[in-house]
Amino acid sequence: MPSHYANFTARRRRATTFAPVERPAVPGSVVDAVLRFHDEEQDQGAGRTLLRLSKKRLRDAEVAAALGDQKTRAAGVAILWNERESEIIRVLEAA
């Protein structure tokens, strides 16, 4: 009986194991553009701010030139910024 139970739990563990999803990293040019040209700021508390580019700002010639073909990807990127340390906490990208 114990061997049957061991086989059952091993099969169950394999069935619930998920493979990690590989996503390409956000290009540095997109992160740089969001930091330089952002026009939306949302206070997150504790000295943290969420920075984004609005649809209107993405249509600006200056922003479009800086982003090139990465313009649509930049629309889904947000940066969590630490005001006290003046550093990026995390780069977030919409699925």
Protein backbone atom coordinates (compact mmCIF):
# COMPACT_ATOMS: atom_id res chain seq x y z
CA MET A 1 0.00 0.00 0.00
CA PRO A 2 2.71 2.58 0.75
CA SER A 3 4.23 2.18 -2.75
CA HIS A 4 0.86 2.93 -4.36
CA TYR A 5 0.52 6.10 -2.28
CA ALA A 6 4.07 7.21 -3.23
CA ASN A 7 3.28 6.78 -6.92
CA PHE A 8 0.04 8.74 -6.54
CA THR A 9 1.73 11.70 -4.86
CA ALA A 10 4.55 11.74 -7.41
CA ARG A 11 2.03 11.85 -10.29
CA ARG A 12 0.07 14.57 -8.51
CA ARG A 13 3.19 16.71 -8.04
CA ARG A 14 4.08 16.42 -11.74
CA ALA A 15 0.56 17.38 -12.77
CA THR A 16 0.57 20.60 -10.73
CA THR A 17 4.06 21.78 -11.70
CA PHE A 18 3.99 24.78 -14.00
CA ALA A 19 6.76 25.72 -16.37
CA PRO A 20 7.96 29.32 -16.03
CA VAL A 21 6.89 31.65 -18.81
CA GLU A 22 9.83 33.30 -20.53
CA ARG A 23 9.19 36.90 -21.52
CA PRO A 24 11.77 39.04 -23.25
CA ALA A 25 13.13 41.83 -21.09
CA VAL A 26 11.90 45.37 -21.62
CA PRO A 27 14.49 47.15 -23.80
CA GLY A 28 16.53 49.87 -22.12
CA SER A 29 15.41 52.39 -24.73
CA VAL A 30 11.78 51.90 -23.64
CA VAL A 31 12.66 52.30 -19.95
CA ASP A 32 14.70 55.41 -20.76
CA ALA A 33 11.84 56.92 -22.78
CA VAL A 34 9.30 56.32 -20.01
CA LEU A 35 11.63 57.94 -17.48
CA ARG A 36 12.35 60.96 -19.69
CA PHE A 37 8.96 61.60 -21.26
CA HIS A 38 6.39 60.32 -18.72
CA ASP A 39 3.38 62.53 -18.17
CA GLU A 40 1.34 60.35 -15.82
CA GLU A 41 2.34 59.96 -12.19
CA GLN A 42 0.40 57.99 -9.60
CA ASP A 43 1.49 58.27 -5.97
CA GLN A 44 1.82 54.77 -4.47
CA GLY A 45 2.70 55.93 -0.96
CA ALA A 46 5.95 55.54 1.00
CA GLY A 47 7.82 57.77 -1.45
CA ARG A 48 6.99 55.62 -4.47
CA THR A 49 5.47 56.80 -7.73
CA LEU A 50 4.21 54.91 -10.77
CA LEU A 51 5.37 56.57 -14.01
CA ARG A 52 3.68 56.04 -17.41
CA LEU A 53 3.30 57.51 -20.86
CA SER A 54 -0.22 58.58 -21.82
CA LYS A 55 -1.66 57.86 -25.27
CA LYS A 56 -1.46 61.57 -26.06
CA ARG A 57 2.21 61.74 -25.09
CA LEU A 58 3.00 58.65 -27.21
CA ARG A 59 1.73 60.58 -30.27
CA ASP A 60 4.25 63.40 -29.75
CA ALA A 61 6.92 63.51 -32.45
CA GLU A 62 9.74 63.69 -29.90
CA VAL A 63 8.56 60.56 -28.06
CA ALA A 64 7.78 58.68 -31.28
CA ALA A 65 11.28 59.43 -32.59
CA ALA A 66 12.90 58.21 -29.36
CA LEU A 67 10.88 54.99 -29.30
CA GLY A 68 10.78 54.08 -32.97
CA ASP A 69 9.15 50.69 -33.47
CA GLN A 70 8.90 50.12 -29.68
CA LYS A 71 6.08 52.66 -29.33
CA THR A 72 3.32 50.09 -28.84
CA ARG A 73 5.36 48.20 -26.26
CA ALA A 74 6.05 51.41 -24.33
CA ALA A 75 2.29 51.97 -24.02
CA GLY A 76 2.10 48.98 -21.66
CA VAL A 77 5.16 49.79 -19.54
CA ALA A 78 5.07 51.45 -16.13
CA ILE A 79 7.98 52.20 -13.82
CA LEU A 80 7.76 52.10 -10.04
CA TRP A 81 10.07 54.93 -8.97
CA ASN A 82 11.55 55.58 -5.53
CA GLU A 83 11.50 59.36 -4.96
CA ARG A 84 13.77 59.28 -1.89
CA GLU A 85 16.58 57.31 -3.53
CA SER A 86 15.92 58.50 -7.11
CA GLU A 87 16.03 54.95 -8.44
CA ILE A 88 13.88 52.41 -10.24
CA ILE A 89 12.23 49.87 -7.95
CA ARG A 90 10.59 47.77 -10.67
CA VAL A 91 9.68 47.90 -14.36
CA LEU A 92 6.17 46.59 -14.96
CA GLU A 93 4.74 45.50 -18.28
CA ALA A 94 1.12 44.71 -19.12
CA ALA A 95 0.52 41.18 -20.35
